[in-house]
Amino acid sequence: IIIKGAAAGFFGVAVALLGVAAWNLVRREQAVRAGAGVVSMRRAEKRREAVASSLLFAVTLPLVNGVAGVVSKLGLDPLRLYVHEPYVRAGMPGGLDDDEVVALGALLGALFMGIMGFVAGAFLGFGWVWVGLAGLPLGYVALVAHLKGQGESREAEIMRALPYALDLMVLMLRSGTSLRIALARVVEDYSGPPQHPVGAEFGQVLAEIDVGSPRAEAFKKMSARLKIPDMTALVDALVQSEELGWPLADTLEGLADRLNAERVLRAQAAAGAAGVYVMLPSTLVLLSAVLLLFAPFVVRYLVTGTLAD
């Protein structure tokens, strides 16, 4: 009965995960479709770098491409919408398109399904192999969770480097150079290897400008890709300065000063929170010392019923 209950529970979890995923897709479908055209013009470059740096990626890429062809024929738009935004915010690692990301999730789901089916069959009997079906949605859940974690790390790197990038742009602009040259200098300074996210995003902006895209439109696409409030503020400042004729160097300098001040405040908040986190380990150490100090008396009282020698 316990085993049957556990199997039913696994199946229920799988159904619940599918339901949550479907609900999220319905809720975010319009927003994601609005930004579905935000793609990278440097996918081929990212793919070459990934193939050169990772043997595993180079080996699995043909398999991913084969499954992506099947995905393209089947449609599977809800899965594309589910993985698109996390993949874009993660920086589109590997230069994959949406069909290939969906194919990668399917391969991970098949791997999880095989592992869970094998374990269930080995320990519970062949009749329980169907429990492995719960691993199919877990492939997409694990992929999206990894992409979201990578996107958060990438956002933190951008936030750390953005004030310095703005200071460099201000220095270049005050020396008489154009915004195009200032952006190129930032891209050069953050070129890597590996390339920093700030260099990658500003490089994407330069690539779009070089092929004829309006400068304001290229910056707005970067803001739509990242969805970082401070980067959105930077883009708004650049667009307003261009439209209204404000001095761009002064605008960027004010934004850089604000970001530096906010960074100091975040550091102070983190330092203040560190004292709270240290309280629990300190309390446990103190409790251990007290136990060691009074342990002989406690043992003597338990054995003899008295504290006297």
C-alpha atoms as a PDB file:
ATOM      1  CA  ILE A   1       0.000   0.000   0.000  1.00  0.00           C
ATOM      2  CA  ILE A   2       2.852   2.372   0.858  1.00  0.00           C
ATOM      3  CA  ILE A   3       4.566   1.680  -2.460  1.00  0.00           C
ATOM      4  CA  LYS A   4       1.377   2.216  -4.409  1.00  0.00           C
ATOM      5  CA  GLY A   5       0.779   5.458  -2.528  1.00  0.00           C
ATOM      6  CA  ALA A   6       4.294   6.666  -3.322  1.00  0.00           C
ATOM      7  CA  ALA A   7       3.852   5.833  -7.008  1.00  0.00           C
ATOM      8  CA  ALA A   8       0.524   7.653  -7.077  1.00  0.00           C
ATOM      9  CA  GLY A   9       2.177  10.597  -5.362  1.00  0.00           C
ATOM     10  CA  PHE A  10       4.936  10.767  -7.996  1.00  0.00           C
ATOM     11  CA  PHE A  11       2.347  10.683 -10.745  1.00  0.00           C
ATOM     12  CA  GLY A  12       0.330  13.396  -9.009  1.00  0.00           C
ATOM     13  CA  VAL A  13       3.425  15.591  -8.713  1.00  0.00           C
ATOM     14  CA  ALA A  14       4.077  15.178 -12.436  1.00  0.00           C
ATOM     15  CA  VAL A  15       0.501  16.174 -13.261  1.00  0.00           C
ATOM     16  CA  ALA A  16       0.725  19.145 -10.891  1.00  0.00           C
ATOM     17  CA  LEU A  17       3.962  20.325 -12.511  1.00  0.00           C
ATOM     18  CA  LEU A  18       2.371  20.135 -15.926  1.00  0.00           C
ATOM     19  CA  GLY A  19      -0.613  22.106 -14.641  1.00  0.00           C
ATOM     20  CA  VAL A  20       1.589  24.824 -13.122  1.00  0.00           C
ATOM     21  CA  ALA A  21       3.602  25.072 -16.329  1.00  0.00           C
ATOM     22  CA  ALA A  22       0.439  25.378 -18.414  1.00  0.00           C
ATOM     23  CA  TRP A  23      -0.950  28.064 -16.106  1.00  0.00           C
ATOM     24  CA  ASN A  24       2.270  30.075 -16.311  1.00  0.00           C
ATOM     25  CA  LEU A  25       2.241  29.764 -20.084  1.00  0.00           C
ATOM     26  CA  VAL A  26      -1.303  31.076 -20.345  1.00  0.00           C
ATOM     27  CA  ARG A  27      -0.545  33.971 -18.007  1.00  0.00           C
ATOM     28  CA  ARG A  28       2.656  35.072 -19.751  1.00  0.00           C
ATOM     29  CA  GLU A  29       1.820  34.194 -23.340  1.00  0.00           C
ATOM     30  CA  GLN A  30       1.062  37.701 -24.546  1.00  0.00           C
ATOM     31  CA  ALA A  31       4.051  39.254 -22.784  1.00  0.00           C
ATOM     32  CA  VAL A  32       6.441  36.697 -24.190  1.00  0.00           C
ATOM     33  CA  ARG A  33       5.010  37.017 -27.679  1.00  0.00           C
ATOM     34  CA  ALA A  34       5.581  40.741 -27.484  1.00  0.00           C
ATOM     35  CA  GLY A  35       9.266  40.111 -26.885  1.00  0.00           C
ATOM     36  CA  ALA A  36       9.591  37.016 -29.043  1.00  0.00           C
ATOM     37  CA  GLY A  37      11.265  39.048 -31.766  1.00  0.00           C
ATOM     38  CA  VAL A  38      14.147  39.946 -29.456  1.00  0.00           C
ATOM     39  CA  VAL A  39      16.844  37.635 -30.761  1.00  0.00           C
ATOM     40  CA  SER A  40      20.587  37.816 -30.957  1.00  0.00           C
ATOM     41  CA  MET A  41      22.351  38.654 -34.184  1.00  0.00           C
ATOM     42  CA  ARG A  42      25.452  36.880 -32.846  1.00  0.00           C
ATOM     43  CA  ARG A  43      24.080  33.349 -32.435  1.00  0.00           C
ATOM     44  CA  ALA A  44      26.610  31.891 -34.857  1.00  0.00           C
ATOM     45  CA  GLU A  45      29.491  33.457 -32.930  1.00  0.00           C
ATOM     46  CA  LYS A  46      28.178  32.129 -29.614  1.00  0.00           C
ATOM     47  CA  ARG A  47      27.701  28.677 -31.104  1.00  0.00           C
ATOM     48  CA  ARG A  48      31.261  28.579 -32.420  1.00  0.00           C
ATOM     49  CA  GLU A  49      32.592  29.607 -29.007  1.00  0.00           C
ATOM     50  CA  ALA A  50      30.484  26.954 -27.242  1.00  0.00           C
ATOM     51  CA  VAL A  51      31.598  24.219 -29.651  1.00  0.00           C
ATOM     52  CA  ALA A  52      35.245  25.217 -29.232  1.00  0.00           C
ATOM     53  CA  SER A  53      35.090  25.398 -25.427  1.00  0.00           C
ATOM     54  CA  SER A  54      32.900  22.373 -24.591  1.00  0.00           C
ATOM     55  CA  LEU A  55      33.424  18.882 -25.993  1.00  0.00           C
ATOM     56  CA  LEU A  56      30.101  17.739 -24.514  1.00  0.00           C
ATOM     57  CA  PHE A  57      28.254  20.520 -26.329  1.00  0.00           C
ATOM     58  CA  ALA A  58      30.004  19.705 -29.596  1.00  0.00           C
ATOM     59  CA  VAL A  59      29.063  16.023 -29.283  1.00  0.00           C
ATOM     60  CA  THR A  60      25.413  16.588 -28.339  1.00  0.00           C
ATOM     61  CA  LEU A  61      24.746  19.447 -30.786  1.00  0.00           C
ATOM     62  CA  PRO A  62      24.003  17.151 -33.791  1.00  0.00           C
ATOM     63  CA  LEU A  63      21.503  15.208 -31.665  1.00  0.00           C
ATOM     64  CA  VAL A  64      19.892  18.452 -30.506  1.00  0.00           C
ATOM     65  CA  ASN A  65      19.647  19.631 -34.120  1.00  0.00           C
ATOM     66  CA  GLY A  66      17.988  16.357 -35.136  1.00  0.00           C
ATOM     67  CA  VAL A  67      15.369  16.581 -32.412  1.00  0.00           C
ATOM     68  CA  ALA A  68      14.879  20.300 -33.178  1.00  0.00           C
ATOM     69  CA  GLY A  69      13.786  19.367 -36.700  1.00  0.00           C
ATOM     70  CA  VAL A  70      11.041  17.182 -35.242  1.00  0.00           C
ATOM     71  CA  VAL A  71      10.057  19.958 -32.811  1.00  0.00           C
ATOM     72  CA  SER A  72       9.793  22.431 -35.682  1.00  0.00           C
ATOM     73  CA  LYS A  73       7.378  20.136 -37.527  1.00  0.00           C
ATOM     74  CA  LEU A  74       5.264  19.464 -34.445  1.00  0.00           C
ATOM     75  CA  GLY A  75       4.840  23.128 -33.513  1.00  0.00           C
ATOM     76  CA  LEU A  76       4.911  22.986 -29.700  1.00  0.00           C
ATOM     77  CA  ASP A  77       4.478  26.756 -29.338  1.00  0.00           C
ATOM     78  CA  PRO A  78       3.645  26.545 -25.588  1.00  0.00           C
ATOM     79  CA  LEU A  79       7.020  24.928 -24.895  1.00  0.00           C
ATOM     80  CA  ARG A  80       8.780  27.554 -27.000  1.00  0.00           C
ATOM     81  CA  LEU A  81       7.117  30.292 -24.977  1.00  0.00           C
ATOM     82  CA  TYR A  82       8.013  28.502 -21.733  1.00  0.00           C
ATOM     83  CA  VAL A  83      11.760  28.405 -22.456  1.00  0.00           C
ATOM     84  CA  HIS A  84      12.170  31.572 -24.530  1.00  0.00           C
ATOM     85  CA  GLU A  85      12.324  34.287 -21.860  1.00  0.00           C
ATOM     86  CA  PRO A  86      14.628  32.411 -19.407  1.00  0.00           C
ATOM     87  CA  TYR A  87      16.945  31.514 -22.278  1.00  0.00           C
ATOM     88  CA  VAL A  88      17.169  35.119 -23.501  1.00  0.00           C
ATOM     89  CA  ARG A  89      17.834  36.462 -19.995  1.00  0.00           C
ATOM     90  CA  ALA A  90      20.551  33.838 -19.545  1.00  0.00           C
ATOM     91  CA  GLY A  91      22.375  35.323 -22.523  1.00  0.00           C
ATOM     92  CA  MET A  92      21.395  32.623 -25.038  1.00  0.00           C
ATOM     93  CA  PRO A  93      24.335  30.326 -24.176  1.00  0.00           C
ATOM     94  CA  GLY A  94      25.402  28.140 -27.071  1.00  0.00           C
ATOM     95  CA  GLY A  95      23.597  30.284 -29.640  1.00  0.00           C
ATOM     96  CA  LEU A  96      20.608  27.925 -29.842  1.00  0.00           C
ATOM     97  CA  ASP A  97      17.262  28.883 -31.316  1.00  0.00           C
ATOM     98  CA  ASP A  98      13.926  28.217 -29.610  1.00  0.00           C
ATOM     99  CA  ASP A  99      13.398  24.851 -31.330  1.00  0.00           C
ATOM    100  CA  GLU A 100      16.825  23.679 -30.211  1.00  0.00           C
ATOM    101  CA  VAL A 101      16.200  24.761 -26.617  1.00  0.00           C
ATOM    102  CA  VAL A 102      12.908  22.843 -26.640  1.00  0.00           C
ATOM    103  CA  ALA A 103      14.763  19.850 -28.091  1.00  0.00           C
ATOM    104  CA  LEU A 104      17.357  20.086 -25.313  1.00  0.00           C
ATOM    105  CA  GLY A 105      14.567  20.053 -22.732  1.00  0.00           C
ATOM    106  CA  ALA A 106      13.064  16.990 -24.422  1.00  0.00           C
ATOM    107  CA  LEU A 107      16.394  15.184 -24.291  1.00  0.00           C
ATOM    108  CA  LEU A 108      16.795  16.015 -20.612  1.00  0.00           C
ATOM    109  CA  GLY A 109      13.249  14.822 -19.974  1.00  0.00           C
ATOM    110  CA  ALA A 110      13.992  11.549 -21.778  1.00  0.00           C
ATOM    111  CA  LEU A 111      17.130  11.137 -19.664  1.00  0.00           C
ATOM    112  CA  PHE A 112      15.228  11.734 -16.413  1.00  0.00           C
ATOM    113  CA  MET A 113      12.448   9.453 -17.577  1.00  0.00           C
ATOM    114  CA  GLY A 114      14.923   6.660 -18.310  1.00  0.00           C
ATOM    115  CA  ILE A 115      16.682   7.033 -14.956  1.00  0.00           C
ATOM    116  CA  MET A 116      13.464   7.146 -12.937  1.00  0.00           C
ATOM    117  CA  GLY A 117      11.982   4.239 -14.904  1.00  0.00           C
ATOM    118  CA  PHE A 118      15.105   2.142 -14.376  1.00  0.00           C
ATOM    119  CA  VAL A 119      15.201   2.865 -10.643  1.00  0.00           C
ATOM    120  CA  ALA A 120      11.500   2.119 -10.256  1.00  0.00           C
ATOM    121  CA  GLY A 121      11.823  -1.111 -12.240  1.00  0.00           C
ATOM    122  CA  ALA A 122      14.909  -2.207 -10.343  1.00  0.00           C
ATOM    123  CA  PHE A 123      13.498  -1.645  -6.864  1.00  0.00           C
ATOM    124  CA  LEU A 124       9.747  -2.093  -7.344  1.00  0.00           C
ATOM    125  CA  GLY A 125       9.511  -4.440 -10.278  1.00  0.00           C
ATOM    126  CA  PHE A 126       8.999  -4.139 -14.017  1.00  0.00           C
ATOM    127  CA  GLY A 127       5.360  -3.185 -13.553  1.00  0.00           C
ATOM    128  CA  TRP A 128       6.411   0.136 -12.054  1.00  0.00           C
ATOM    129  CA  VAL A 129       8.505   1.327 -14.993  1.00  0.00           C
ATOM    130  CA  TRP A 130       5.691   3.722 -15.937  1.00  0.00           C
ATOM    131  CA  VAL A 131       6.704   5.860 -12.930  1.00  0.00           C
ATOM    132  CA  GLY A 132       9.491   7.140 -15.166  1.00  0.00           C
ATOM    133  CA  LEU A 133       6.919   9.219 -17.055  1.00  0.00           C
ATOM    134  CA  ALA A 134       7.147  11.706 -14.187  1.00  0.00           C
ATOM    135  CA  GLY A 135      10.670  12.526 -15.378  1.00  0.00           C
ATOM    136  CA  LEU A 136       9.508  13.911 -18.727  1.00  0.00           C
ATOM    137  CA  PRO A 137       8.251  17.296 -17.435  1.00  0.00           C
ATOM    138  CA  LEU A 138      11.155  17.425 -14.984  1.00  0.00           C
ATOM    139  CA  GLY A 139      13.494  17.837 -17.945  1.00  0.00           C
ATOM    140  CA  TYR A 140      11.915  21.158 -18.859  1.00  0.00           C
ATOM    141  CA  VAL A 141      11.565  22.225 -15.231  1.00  0.00           C
ATOM    142  CA  ALA A 142      15.272  21.524 -14.608  1.00  0.00           C
ATOM    143  CA  LEU A 143      16.298  23.302 -17.821  1.00  0.00           C
ATOM    144  CA  VAL A 144      14.271  26.428 -17.053  1.00  0.00           C
ATOM    145  CA  ALA A 145      15.473  26.453 -13.426  1.00  0.00           C
ATOM    146  CA  HIS A 146      19.081  26.288 -14.625  1.00  0.00           C
ATOM    147  CA  LEU A 147      18.493  29.071 -17.141  1.00  0.00           C
ATOM    148  CA  LYS A 148      16.857  31.258 -14.487  1.00  0.00           C
ATOM    149  CA  GLY A 149      19.801  30.713 -12.136  1.00  0.00           C
ATOM    150  CA  GLN A 150      22.222  31.556 -14.925  1.00  0.00           C
ATOM    151  CA  GLY A 151      20.174  34.635 -15.757  1.00  0.00           C
ATOM    152  CA  GLU A 152      20.299  35.819 -12.142  1.00  0.00           C
ATOM    153  CA  SER A 153      24.081  35.344 -12.042  1.00  0.00           C
ATOM    154  CA  ARG A 154      24.407  37.216 -15.311  1.00  0.00           C
ATOM    155  CA  GLU A 155      22.249  40.046 -13.988  1.00  0.00           C
ATOM    156  CA  ALA A 156      24.454  40.311 -10.887  1.00  0.00           C
ATOM    157  CA  GLU A 157      27.576  40.554 -13.083  1.00  0.00           C
ATOM    158  CA  ILE A 158      25.980  43.289 -15.174  1.00  0.00           C
ATOM    159  CA  MET A 159      24.976  45.236 -12.070  1.00  0.00           C
ATOM    160  CA  ARG A 160      28.510  45.039 -10.661  1.00  0.00           C
ATOM    161  CA  ALA A 161      30.131  46.229 -13.887  1.00  0.00           C
ATOM    162  CA  LEU A 162      27.562  48.798 -15.055  1.00  0.00           C
ATOM    163  CA  PRO A 163      28.789  51.774 -12.921  1.00  0.00           C
ATOM    164  CA  TYR A 164      32.364  51.317 -14.191  1.00  0.00           C
ATOM    165  CA  ALA A 165      31.118  51.000 -17.769  1.00  0.00           C
ATOM    166  CA  LEU A 166      29.149  54.226 -17.385  1.00  0.00           C
ATOM    167  CA  ASP A 167      32.171  56.029 -15.917  1.00  0.00           C
ATOM    168  CA  LEU A 168      34.238  54.898 -18.899  1.00  0.00           C
ATOM    169  CA  MET A 169      31.563  56.101 -21.321  1.00  0.00           C
ATOM    170  CA  VAL A 170      31.423  59.489 -19.552  1.00  0.00           C
ATOM    171  CA  LEU A 171      35.207  59.883 -19.844  1.00  0.00           C
ATOM    172  CA  MET A 172      35.098  59.002 -23.534  1.00  0.00           C
ATOM    173  CA  LEU A 173      32.204  61.372 -24.231  1.00  0.00           C
ATOM    174  CA  ARG A 174      33.829  64.273 -22.362  1.00  0.00           C
ATOM    175  CA  SER A 175      36.989  63.752 -24.428  1.00  0.00           C
ATOM    176  CA  GLY A 176      34.972  64.545 -27.545  1.00  0.00           C
ATOM    177  CA  THR A 177      34.258  61.094 -28.934  1.00  0.00           C
ATOM    178  CA  SER A 178      30.881  59.882 -30.143  1.00  0.00           C
ATOM    179  CA  LEU A 179      28.609  57.438 -28.334  1.00  0.00           C
ATOM    180  CA  ARG A 180      29.449  54.815 -30.961  1.00  0.00           C
ATOM    181  CA  ILE A 181      33.157  55.001 -30.146  1.00  0.00           C
ATOM    182  CA  ALA A 182      32.451  55.024 -26.392  1.00  0.00           C
ATOM    183  CA  LEU A 183      30.359  51.861 -26.703  1.00  0.00           C
ATOM    184  CA  ALA A 184      33.073  50.216 -28.781  1.00  0.00           C
ATOM    185  CA  ARG A 185      35.619  50.999 -26.053  1.00  0.00           C
ATOM    186  CA  VAL A 186      33.363  49.433 -23.398  1.00  0.00           C
ATOM    187  CA  VAL A 187      32.945  46.327 -25.566  1.00  0.00           C
ATOM    188  CA  GLU A 188      36.714  46.141 -26.026  1.00  0.00           C
ATOM    189  CA  ASP A 189      37.422  46.459 -22.296  1.00  0.00           C
ATOM    190  CA  TYR A 190      34.871  43.756 -21.450  1.00  0.00           C
ATOM    191  CA  SER A 191      35.718  41.447 -24.330  1.00  0.00           C
ATOM    192  CA  GLY A 192      37.236  38.649 -22.209  1.00  0.00           C
ATOM    193  CA  PRO A 193      37.785  35.803 -22.727  1.00  0.00           C
ATOM    194  CA  PRO A 194      35.317  34.799 -21.517  1.00  0.00           C
ATOM    195  CA  GLN A 195      33.301  37.785 -22.663  1.00  0.00           C
ATOM    196  CA  HIS A 196      31.657  39.716 -19.879  1.00  0.00           C
ATOM    197  CA  PRO A 197      27.848  40.116 -20.131  1.00  0.00           C
ATOM    198  CA  VAL A 198      28.220  43.891 -20.362  1.00  0.00           C
ATOM    199  CA  GLY A 199      30.521  43.518 -23.354  1.00  0.00           C
ATOM    200  CA  ALA A 200      28.188  40.973 -24.934  1.00  0.00           C
ATOM    201  CA  GLU A 201      25.085  43.161 -24.573  1.00  0.00           C
ATOM    202  CA  PHE A 202      26.716  46.386 -25.748  1.00  0.00           C
ATOM    203  CA  GLY A 203      28.334  44.415 -28.568  1.00  0.00           C
ATOM    204  CA  GLN A 204      24.875  43.258 -29.605  1.00  0.00           C
ATOM    205  CA  VAL A 205      23.736  46.898 -29.636  1.00  0.00           C
ATOM    206  CA  LEU A 206      26.685  47.892 -31.826  1.00  0.00           C
ATOM    207  CA  ALA A 207      26.019  44.990 -34.205  1.00  0.00           C
ATOM    208  CA  GLU A 208      22.398  46.113 -34.644  1.00  0.00           C
ATOM    209  CA  ILE A 209      23.431  49.728 -35.179  1.00  0.00           C
ATOM    210  CA  ASP A 210      26.029  48.705 -37.756  1.00  0.00           C
ATOM    211  CA  VAL A 211      23.403  46.891 -39.845  1.00  0.00           C
ATOM    212  CA  GLY A 212      21.170  49.968 -39.927  1.00  0.00           C
ATOM    213  CA  SER A 213      18.940  49.669 -36.865  1.00  0.00           C
ATOM    214  CA  PRO A 214      18.102  53.023 -35.212  1.00  0.00           C
ATOM    215  CA  ARG A 215      20.194  53.611 -32.118  1.00  0.00           C
ATOM    216  CA  ALA A 216      17.193  54.092 -29.844  1.00  0.00           C
ATOM    217  CA  GLU A 217      15.605  50.882 -31.135  1.00  0.00           C
ATOM    218  CA  ALA A 218      18.816  48.889 -30.534  1.00  0.00           C
ATOM    219  CA  PHE A 219      18.993  50.094 -26.931  1.00  0.00           C
ATOM    220  CA  LYS A 220      15.300  49.348 -26.358  1.00  0.00           C
ATOM    221  CA  LYS A 221      15.852  45.784 -27.570  1.00  0.00           C
ATOM    222  CA  MET A 222      18.674  45.404 -25.056  1.00  0.00           C
ATOM    223  CA  SER A 223      16.374  46.613 -22.301  1.00  0.00           C
ATOM    224  CA  ALA A 224      13.694  44.134 -23.414  1.00  0.00           C
ATOM    225  CA  ARG A 225      16.218  41.279 -23.360  1.00  0.00           C
ATOM    226  CA  LEU A 226      17.602  41.966 -19.912  1.00  0.00           C
ATOM    227  CA  LYS A 227      14.585  43.322 -18.000  1.00  0.00           C
ATOM    228  CA  ILE A 228      16.930  44.888 -15.419  1.00  0.00           C
ATOM    229  CA  PRO A 229      15.547  48.104 -13.866  1.00  0.00           C
ATOM    230  CA  ASP A 230      18.899  49.923 -13.841  1.00  0.00           C
ATOM    231  CA  MET A 231      19.602  48.953 -17.443  1.00  0.00           C
ATOM    232  CA  THR A 232      16.105  50.142 -18.375  1.00  0.00           C
ATOM    233  CA  ALA A 233      16.895  53.454 -16.653  1.00  0.00           C
ATOM    234  CA  LEU A 234      20.110  53.700 -18.704  1.00  0.00           C
ATOM    235  CA  VAL A 235      18.239  53.069 -21.931  1.00  0.00           C
ATOM    236  CA  ASP A 236      15.558  55.634 -21.026  1.00  0.00           C
ATOM    237  CA  ALA A 237      18.252  58.200 -20.268  1.00  0.00           C
ATOM    238  CA  LEU A 238      19.993  57.560 -23.582  1.00  0.00           C
ATOM    239  CA  VAL A 239      16.765  57.754 -25.575  1.00  0.00           C
ATOM    240  CA  GLN A 240      15.574  60.926 -23.824  1.00  0.00           C
ATOM    241  CA  SER A 241      18.948  62.600 -24.251  1.00  0.00           C
ATOM    242  CA  GLU A 242      18.879  61.812 -27.951  1.00  0.00           C
ATOM    243  CA  GLU A 243      15.293  62.983 -28.414  1.00  0.00           C
ATOM    244  CA  LEU A 244      15.445  66.112 -26.243  1.00  0.00           C
ATOM    245  CA  GLY A 245      19.035  67.140 -26.887  1.00  0.00           C
ATOM    246  CA  TRP A 246      20.232  66.853 -23.301  1.00  0.00           C
ATOM    247  CA  PRO A 247      24.007  66.573 -22.684  1.00  0.00           C
ATOM    248  CA  LEU A 248      24.546  62.813 -22.769  1.00  0.00           C
ATOM    249  CA  ALA A 249      27.705  62.873 -20.643  1.00  0.00           C
ATOM    250  CA  ASP A 250      25.933  64.712 -17.796  1.00  0.00           C
ATOM    251  CA  THR A 251      23.006  62.296 -17.938  1.00  0.00           C
ATOM    252  CA  LEU A 252      25.260  59.226 -17.791  1.00  0.00           C
ATOM    253  CA  GLU A 253      27.375  60.749 -15.023  1.00  0.00           C
ATOM    254  CA  GLY A 254      24.299  61.339 -12.869  1.00  0.00           C
ATOM    255  CA  LEU A 255      23.108  57.777 -13.496  1.00  0.00           C
ATOM    256  CA  ALA A 256      26.553  56.377 -12.660  1.00  0.00           C
ATOM    257  CA  ASP A 257      26.633  58.333  -9.385  1.00  0.00           C
ATOM    258  CA  ARG A 258      23.191  56.989  -8.452  1.00  0.00           C
ATOM    259  CA  LEU A 259      24.199  53.403  -9.235  1.00  0.00           C
ATOM    260  CA  ASN A 260      27.384  53.739  -7.183  1.00  0.00           C
ATOM    261  CA  ALA A 261      25.404  55.115  -4.242  1.00  0.00           C
ATOM    262  CA  GLU A 262      22.897  52.265  -4.497  1.00  0.00           C
ATOM    263  CA  ARG A 263      25.762  49.776  -4.640  1.00  0.00           C
ATOM    264  CA  VAL A 264      27.194  51.177  -1.401  1.00  0.00           C
ATOM    265  CA  LEU A 265      23.755  50.933   0.236  1.00  0.00           C
ATOM    266  CA  ARG A 266      23.377  47.309  -0.886  1.00  0.00           C
ATOM    267  CA  ALA A 267      26.817  46.493   0.505  1.00  0.00           C
ATOM    268  CA  GLN A 268      25.927  48.095   3.840  1.00  0.00           C
ATOM    269  CA  ALA A 269      22.655  46.163   3.952  1.00  0.00           C
ATOM    270  CA  ALA A 270      24.465  42.922   3.223  1.00  0.00           C
ATOM    271  CA  ALA A 271      27.017  43.675   5.945  1.00  0.00           C
ATOM    272  CA  GLY A 272      24.220  44.364   8.426  1.00  0.00           C
ATOM    273  CA  ALA A 273      22.455  41.132   7.503  1.00  0.00           C
ATOM    274  CA  ALA A 274      25.675  39.167   7.975  1.00  0.00           C
ATOM    275  CA  GLY A 275      25.518  39.804  11.728  1.00  0.00           C
ATOM    276  CA  VAL A 276      22.090  38.185  11.882  1.00  0.00           C
ATOM    277  CA  TYR A 277      23.292  35.147   9.942  1.00  0.00           C
ATOM    278  CA  VAL A 278      26.239  34.712  12.319  1.00  0.00           C
ATOM    279  CA  MET A 279      24.001  34.623  15.412  1.00  0.00           C
ATOM    280  CA  LEU A 280      22.805  31.046  14.906  1.00  0.00           C
ATOM    281  CA  PRO A 281      26.287  29.482  14.508  1.00  0.00           C
ATOM    282  CA  SER A 282      27.543  31.554  17.438  1.00  0.00           C
ATOM    283  CA  THR A 283      24.648  30.391  19.595  1.00  0.00           C
ATOM    284  CA  LEU A 284      25.320  26.758  18.679  1.00  0.00           C
ATOM    285  CA  VAL A 285      29.027  27.134  19.536  1.00  0.00           C
ATOM    286  CA  LEU A 286      28.146  28.699  22.883  1.00  0.00           C
ATOM    287  CA  LEU A 287      25.648  25.909  23.619  1.00  0.00           C
ATOM    288  CA  SER A 288      28.265  23.289  22.764  1.00  0.00           C
ATOM    289  CA  ALA A 289      30.767  24.903  25.130  1.00  0.00           C
ATOM    290  CA  VAL A 290      28.189  24.981  27.935  1.00  0.00           C
ATOM    291  CA  LEU A 291      27.347  21.312  27.394  1.00  0.00           C
ATOM    292  CA  LEU A 292      31.023  20.336  27.473  1.00  0.00           C
ATOM    293  CA  LEU A 293      31.551  22.360  30.650  1.00  0.00           C
ATOM    294  CA  PHE A 294      28.662  20.888  32.611  1.00  0.00           C
ATOM    295  CA  ALA A 295      28.628  17.396  31.058  1.00  0.00           C
ATOM    296  CA  PRO A 296      30.656  15.775  33.943  1.00  0.00           C
ATOM    297  CA  PHE A 297      28.216  17.091  36.553  1.00  0.00           C
ATOM    298  CA  VAL A 298      25.203  15.928  34.578  1.00  0.00           C
ATOM    299  CA  VAL A 299      26.664  12.446  34.094  1.00  0.00           C
ATOM    300  CA  ARG A 300      27.558  12.201  37.812  1.00  0.00           C
ATOM    301  CA  TYR A 301      24.058  13.245  38.832  1.00  0.00           C
ATOM    302  CA  LEU A 302      22.487  10.691  36.484  1.00  0.00           C
ATOM    303  CA  VAL A 303      24.717   7.886  37.767  1.00  0.00           C
ATOM    304  CA  THR A 304      24.904   8.616  41.521  1.00  0.00           C
ATOM    305  CA  GLY A 305      21.903  10.869  42.052  1.00  0.00           C
ATOM    306  CA  THR A 306      24.065  13.540  43.721  1.00  0.00           C
ATOM    307  CA  LEU A 307      26.533  16.186  42.672  1.00  0.00           C
ATOM    308  CA  ALA A 308      28.912  15.517  45.583  1.00  0.00           C
ATOM    309  CA  ASP A 309      32.097  13.466  45.150  1.00  0.00           C
END
